[in-house]
C-alpha atoms as a PDB file:
ATOM      1  CA  UNK A   1     -30.361   0.331  -0.017  1.00  0.00           C
ATOM      2  CA  UNK A   2     -26.774  -0.583   1.454  1.00  0.00           C
ATOM      3  CA  UNK A   3     -26.016  -1.544   4.865  1.00  0.00           C
ATOM      4  CA  UNK A   4     -23.413   1.443   4.775  1.00  0.00           C
ATOM      5  CA  UNK A   5     -26.326   3.864   3.882  1.00  0.00           C
ATOM      6  CA  UNK A   6     -28.856   2.102   6.399  1.00  0.00           C
ATOM      7  CA  UNK A   7     -26.076   2.276   9.296  1.00  0.00           C
ATOM      8  CA  UNK A   8     -25.570   5.729   8.582  1.00  0.00           C
ATOM      9  CA  UNK A   9     -29.190   6.649   8.599  1.00  0.00           C
ATOM     10  CA  UNK A  10     -29.724   4.811  11.871  1.00  0.00           C
ATOM     11  CA  UNK A  11     -26.910   6.710  13.328  1.00  0.00           C
ATOM     12  CA  UNK A  12     -28.471  10.076  12.130  1.00  0.00           C
ATOM     13  CA  UNK A  13     -31.886   9.024  13.608  1.00  0.00           C
ATOM     14  CA  UNK A  14     -30.282   8.077  17.020  1.00  0.00           C
ATOM     15  CA  UNK A  15     -28.456  11.712  17.097  1.00  0.00           C
ATOM     16  CA  UNK A  16     -31.740  13.348  16.924  1.00  0.00           C
ATOM     17  CA  UNK A  17     -33.333  11.775  19.864  1.00  0.00           C
ATOM     18  CA  UNK A  18     -32.784  14.495  22.622  1.00  0.00           C
ATOM     19  CA  UNK A  19     -31.352  13.531  25.836  1.00  0.00           C
ATOM     20  CA  UNK A  20     -33.876  13.738  28.336  1.00  0.00           C
ATOM     21  CA  UNK A  21     -33.062  13.973  32.061  1.00  0.00           C
ATOM     22  CA  UNK A  22     -35.938  13.754  34.800  1.00  0.00           C
ATOM     23  CA  UNK A  23     -36.276  17.006  36.627  1.00  0.00           C
ATOM     24  CA  UNK A  24     -39.035  18.593  38.482  1.00  0.00           C
ATOM     25  CA  UNK A  25     -38.128  21.938  37.180  1.00  0.00           C
ATOM     26  CA  UNK A  26     -39.952  23.491  34.399  1.00  0.00           C
ATOM     27  CA  UNK A  27     -38.786  23.551  30.888  1.00  0.00           C
ATOM     28  CA  UNK A  28     -38.429  27.409  30.950  1.00  0.00           C
ATOM     29  CA  UNK A  29     -36.283  26.660  34.495  1.00  0.00           C
ATOM     30  CA  UNK A  30     -34.301  24.489  32.530  1.00  0.00           C
ATOM     31  CA  UNK A  31     -33.713  26.620  29.854  1.00  0.00           C
ATOM     32  CA  UNK A  32     -32.950  29.611  31.506  1.00  0.00           C
ATOM     33  CA  UNK A  33     -30.623  28.094  34.103  1.00  0.00           C
ATOM     34  CA  UNK A  34     -28.790  25.715  31.066  1.00  0.00           C
ATOM     35  CA  UNK A  35     -28.219  28.998  29.012  1.00  0.00           C
ATOM     36  CA  UNK A  36     -26.733  30.985  32.254  1.00  0.00           C
ATOM     37  CA  UNK A  37     -24.567  28.295  33.297  1.00  0.00           C
ATOM     38  CA  UNK A  38     -23.430  27.261  29.525  1.00  0.00           C
ATOM     39  CA  UNK A  39     -22.306  30.879  29.298  1.00  0.00           C
ATOM     40  CA  UNK A  40     -20.374  30.510  32.775  1.00  0.00           C
ATOM     41  CA  UNK A  41     -18.884  27.313  31.730  1.00  0.00           C
ATOM     42  CA  UNK A  42     -17.764  29.182  28.365  1.00  0.00           C
ATOM     43  CA  UNK A  43     -16.249  31.813  30.212  1.00  0.00           C
ATOM     44  CA  UNK A  44     -14.405  29.233  32.919  1.00  0.00           C
ATOM     45  CA  UNK A  45     -12.874  27.637  30.143  1.00  0.00           C
ATOM     46  CA  UNK A  46     -11.710  30.959  28.337  1.00  0.00           C
ATOM     47  CA  UNK A  47     -10.514  32.349  31.801  1.00  0.00           C
ATOM     48  CA  UNK A  48      -8.657  28.905  32.266  1.00  0.00           C
ATOM     49  CA  UNK A  49      -6.838  29.101  29.159  1.00  0.00           C
ATOM     50  CA  UNK A  50      -5.859  32.707  29.578  1.00  0.00           C
ATOM     51  CA  UNK A  51      -4.631  31.828  33.011  1.00  0.00           C
ATOM     52  CA  UNK A  52      -2.623  28.672  31.474  1.00  0.00           C
ATOM     53  CA  UNK A  53      -1.155  30.954  28.824  1.00  0.00           C
ATOM     54  CA  UNK A  54       0.040  33.563  31.257  1.00  0.00           C
ATOM     55  CA  UNK A  55       1.441  30.527  33.237  1.00  0.00           C
ATOM     56  CA  UNK A  56       3.391  29.202  30.236  1.00  0.00           C
ATOM     57  CA  UNK A  57       4.313  32.293  28.635  1.00  0.00           C
ATOM     58  CA  UNK A  58       5.791  34.291  31.953  1.00  0.00           C
ATOM     59  CA  UNK A  59       9.309  35.900  32.281  1.00  0.00           C
ATOM     60  CA  UNK A  60      10.549  38.200  34.758  1.00  0.00           C
ATOM     61  CA  UNK A  61      11.871  38.544  38.212  1.00  0.00           C
ATOM     62  CA  UNK A  62       8.930  37.191  40.142  1.00  0.00           C
ATOM     63  CA  UNK A  63       8.542  34.283  37.741  1.00  0.00           C
ATOM     64  CA  UNK A  64       8.387  31.461  40.053  1.00  0.00           C
ATOM     65  CA  UNK A  65       6.061  33.090  42.335  1.00  0.00           C
ATOM     66  CA  UNK A  66       3.744  34.052  39.314  1.00  0.00           C
ATOM     67  CA  UNK A  67       4.228  30.822  37.704  1.00  0.00           C
ATOM     68  CA  UNK A  68       3.141  28.931  40.801  1.00  0.00           C
ATOM     69  CA  UNK A  69       0.112  31.164  41.461  1.00  0.00           C
ATOM     70  CA  UNK A  70      -1.212  31.055  37.728  1.00  0.00           C
ATOM     71  CA  UNK A  71      -0.960  27.225  37.967  1.00  0.00           C
ATOM     72  CA  UNK A  72      -2.954  27.211  41.172  1.00  0.00           C
ATOM     73  CA  UNK A  73      -5.740  29.339  39.765  1.00  0.00           C
ATOM     74  CA  UNK A  74      -5.588  27.393  36.724  1.00  0.00           C
ATOM     75  CA  UNK A  75      -6.382  24.131  38.338  1.00  0.00           C
ATOM     76  CA  UNK A  76      -9.127  25.970  40.357  1.00  0.00           C
ATOM     77  CA  UNK A  77     -10.638  26.822  37.252  1.00  0.00           C
ATOM     78  CA  UNK A  78     -10.316  23.701  35.749  1.00  0.00           C
ATOM     79  CA  UNK A  79     -12.170  22.099  38.489  1.00  0.00           C
ATOM     80  CA  UNK A  80     -15.245  24.063  38.172  1.00  0.00           C
ATOM     81  CA  UNK A  81     -15.696  22.978  34.640  1.00  0.00           C
ATOM     82  CA  UNK A  82     -16.799  19.417  35.107  1.00  0.00           C
ATOM     83  CA  UNK A  83     -19.393  20.457  38.330  1.00  0.00           C
ATOM     84  CA  UNK A  84     -20.903  23.142  35.875  1.00  0.00           C
ATOM     85  CA  UNK A  85     -21.368  20.749  33.010  1.00  0.00           C
ATOM     86  CA  UNK A  86     -23.005  17.981  35.175  1.00  0.00           C
ATOM     87  CA  UNK A  87     -25.070  20.387  36.772  1.00  0.00           C
ATOM     88  CA  UNK A  88     -26.621  21.585  33.418  1.00  0.00           C
ATOM     89  CA  UNK A  89     -27.115  17.912  32.568  1.00  0.00           C
ATOM     90  CA  UNK A  90     -28.825  17.090  35.634  1.00  0.00           C
ATOM     91  CA  UNK A  91     -31.455  19.777  34.871  1.00  0.00           C
ATOM     92  CA  UNK A  92     -31.950  18.371  31.757  1.00  0.00           C
ATOM     93  CA  UNK A  93     -30.045  20.888  29.552  1.00  0.00           C
ATOM     94  CA  UNK A  94     -27.173  20.079  27.305  1.00  0.00           C
ATOM     95  CA  UNK A  95     -23.823  21.774  27.393  1.00  0.00           C
ATOM     96  CA  UNK A  96     -20.646  22.528  25.386  1.00  0.00           C
ATOM     97  CA  UNK A  97     -19.518  20.149  22.515  1.00  0.00           C
ATOM     98  CA  UNK A  98     -16.473  21.919  20.951  1.00  0.00           C
ATOM     99  CA  UNK A  99     -14.178  24.616  21.337  1.00  0.00           C
ATOM    100  CA  UNK A 100     -16.434  26.426  18.755  1.00  0.00           C
ATOM    101  CA  UNK A 101     -18.962  26.278  21.049  1.00  0.00           C
ATOM    102  CA  UNK A 102     -17.279  27.736  23.794  1.00  0.00           C
ATOM    103  CA  UNK A 103     -15.896  30.727  21.571  1.00  0.00           C
ATOM    104  CA  UNK A 104     -19.384  31.344  20.580  1.00  0.00           C
ATOM    105  CA  UNK A 105     -20.559  31.866  24.248  1.00  0.00           C
ATOM    106  CA  UNK A 106     -17.453  33.204  25.987  1.00  0.00           C
ATOM    107  CA  UNK A 107     -17.727  36.822  27.472  1.00  0.00           C
ATOM    108  CA  UNK A 108     -14.130  36.704  28.839  1.00  0.00           C
ATOM    109  CA  UNK A 109     -11.882  37.921  25.945  1.00  0.00           C
ATOM    110  CA  UNK A 110      -8.498  36.040  24.817  1.00  0.00           C
ATOM    111  CA  UNK A 111      -5.343  37.452  24.835  1.00  0.00           C
ATOM    112  CA  UNK A 112      -3.217  36.027  22.025  1.00  0.00           C
ATOM    113  CA  UNK A 113      -0.214  38.518  22.222  1.00  0.00           C
ATOM    114  CA  UNK A 114       3.099  37.242  22.021  1.00  0.00           C
ATOM    115  CA  UNK A 115       4.569  38.939  25.120  1.00  0.00           C
ATOM    116  CA  UNK A 116       2.569  40.479  27.863  1.00  0.00           C
ATOM    117  CA  UNK A 117       4.246  42.130  30.903  1.00  0.00           C
ATOM    118  CA  UNK A 118       3.467  40.024  34.264  1.00  0.00           C
ATOM    119  CA  UNK A 119       2.165  43.373  35.956  1.00  0.00           C
ATOM    120  CA  UNK A 120      -0.589  43.315  32.982  1.00  0.00           C
ATOM    121  CA  UNK A 121      -0.990  39.605  33.371  1.00  0.00           C
ATOM    122  CA  UNK A 122      -1.760  40.096  36.996  1.00  0.00           C
ATOM    123  CA  UNK A 123      -4.269  43.124  36.242  1.00  0.00           C
ATOM    124  CA  UNK A 124      -5.798  41.411  33.303  1.00  0.00           C
ATOM    125  CA  UNK A 125      -6.714  38.321  35.304  1.00  0.00           C
ATOM    126  CA  UNK A 126      -7.898  40.157  38.177  1.00  0.00           C
ATOM    127  CA  UNK A 127     -10.374  42.039  36.065  1.00  0.00           C
ATOM    128  CA  UNK A 128     -11.549  38.930  34.409  1.00  0.00           C
ATOM    129  CA  UNK A 129     -12.108  37.131  37.796  1.00  0.00           C
ATOM    130  CA  UNK A 130     -14.081  40.161  38.704  1.00  0.00           C
ATOM    131  CA  UNK A 131     -16.128  39.798  35.865  1.00  0.00           C
ATOM    132  CA  UNK A 132     -16.571  36.344  36.281  1.00  0.00           C
ATOM    133  CA  UNK A 133     -17.765  36.933  39.959  1.00  0.00           C
ATOM    134  CA  UNK A 134     -20.339  39.347  38.612  1.00  0.00           C
ATOM    135  CA  UNK A 135     -21.711  36.978  36.124  1.00  0.00           C
ATOM    136  CA  UNK A 136     -21.755  34.133  38.419  1.00  0.00           C
ATOM    137  CA  UNK A 137     -23.989  36.665  40.752  1.00  0.00           C
ATOM    138  CA  UNK A 138     -26.162  37.092  37.662  1.00  0.00           C
ATOM    139  CA  UNK A 139     -26.487  33.469  37.074  1.00  0.00           C
ATOM    140  CA  UNK A 140     -27.328  33.100  40.825  1.00  0.00           C
ATOM    141  CA  UNK A 141     -30.350  35.097  40.468  1.00  0.00           C
ATOM    142  CA  UNK A 142     -31.528  33.045  37.264  1.00  0.00           C
ATOM    143  CA  UNK A 143     -31.511  30.400  39.918  1.00  0.00           C
ATOM    144  CA  UNK A 144     -33.272  31.989  42.671  1.00  0.00           C
ATOM    145  CA  UNK A 145     -35.908  32.995  39.959  1.00  0.00           C
ATOM    146  CA  UNK A 146     -36.693  29.581  39.302  1.00  0.00           C
ATOM    147  CA  UNK A 147     -36.032  28.252  43.100  1.00  0.00           C
ATOM    148  CA  UNK A 148     -32.944  26.117  41.761  1.00  0.00           C
ATOM    149  CA  UNK A 149     -31.380  25.982  45.215  1.00  0.00           C
ATOM    150  CA  UNK A 150     -28.534  23.298  44.252  1.00  0.00           C
ATOM    151  CA  UNK A 151     -27.098  25.178  41.344  1.00  0.00           C
ATOM    152  CA  UNK A 152     -27.227  28.479  43.534  1.00  0.00           C
ATOM    153  CA  UNK A 153     -25.664  26.851  46.404  1.00  0.00           C
ATOM    154  CA  UNK A 154     -22.639  25.601  43.961  1.00  0.00           C
ATOM    155  CA  UNK A 155     -22.408  29.221  42.655  1.00  0.00           C
ATOM    156  CA  UNK A 156     -21.813  30.550  46.114  1.00  0.00           C
ATOM    157  CA  UNK A 157     -18.914  28.607  46.421  1.00  0.00           C
ATOM    158  CA  UNK A 158     -17.416  29.451  43.127  1.00  0.00           C
ATOM    159  CA  UNK A 159     -18.230  32.951  43.828  1.00  0.00           C
ATOM    160  CA  UNK A 160     -16.017  32.847  46.782  1.00  0.00           C
ATOM    161  CA  UNK A 161     -13.354  31.103  45.000  1.00  0.00           C
ATOM    162  CA  UNK A 162     -13.257  33.804  42.373  1.00  0.00           C
ATOM    163  CA  UNK A 163     -13.399  36.446  45.069  1.00  0.00           C
ATOM    164  CA  UNK A 164     -10.236  34.665  46.292  1.00  0.00           C
ATOM    165  CA  UNK A 165      -8.391  34.602  42.984  1.00  0.00           C
ATOM    166  CA  UNK A 166      -9.350  38.186  42.547  1.00  0.00           C
ATOM    167  CA  UNK A 167      -7.929  39.081  45.931  1.00  0.00           C
ATOM    168  CA  UNK A 168      -4.602  37.165  45.612  1.00  0.00           C
ATOM    169  CA  UNK A 169      -3.888  38.928  42.075  1.00  0.00           C
ATOM    170  CA  UNK A 170      -4.814  42.310  43.773  1.00  0.00           C
ATOM    171  CA  UNK A 171      -2.306  41.877  46.648  1.00  0.00           C
ATOM    172  CA  UNK A 172       0.215  40.117  44.329  1.00  0.00           C
ATOM    173  CA  UNK A 173       0.086  43.405  41.947  1.00  0.00           C
ATOM    174  CA  UNK A 174       0.143  46.064  44.862  1.00  0.00           C
ATOM    175  CA  UNK A 175       3.347  47.958  44.944  1.00  0.00           C
ATOM    176  CA  UNK A 176       5.063  49.239  48.003  1.00  0.00           C
ATOM    177  CA  UNK A 177       3.664  52.143  49.872  1.00  0.00           C
ATOM    178  CA  UNK A 178       5.575  54.776  51.640  1.00  0.00           C
ATOM    179  CA  UNK A 179       5.663  52.753  54.872  1.00  0.00           C
ATOM    180  CA  UNK A 180       7.442  49.737  53.178  1.00  0.00           C
ATOM    181  CA  UNK A 181       4.359  47.568  52.818  1.00  0.00           C
END
């Protein structure tokens, strides 16, 4: 056997060795929580990219305000990704390895339209953030079921941040009423 073939087989053998992280959670808890959080992670990546897409392709009279809002919200979403992935690993799970993996798990729909009206951007991002908050609550329930207070605690903060983004998008999109407000 050549050295090259031997090296390839050794590399393949090492790749089959699981990542084992010590945890007091049962295998079922690791599986369930990791599954829920990987889906959340995929949704956060999808929402992050959609938010940046709208940030990059925005046009109109409120350009500066919306551009800055979308940039701020994109930063908030991206800041969630590493803590989510690291939490999954701390529990003994594995997480995203590729864009394809994200695409298989994401539940937030992409928007590949060449042009989206700013008001439609606000509405779509508001709805997606509301959906994310609901899914975070579902994941929180999985954590409670398995007594994973650490992940549940992180999720509570992310729910608050997501509700804040939803609120800002809602208020930004409001039209003046008859009182001028």
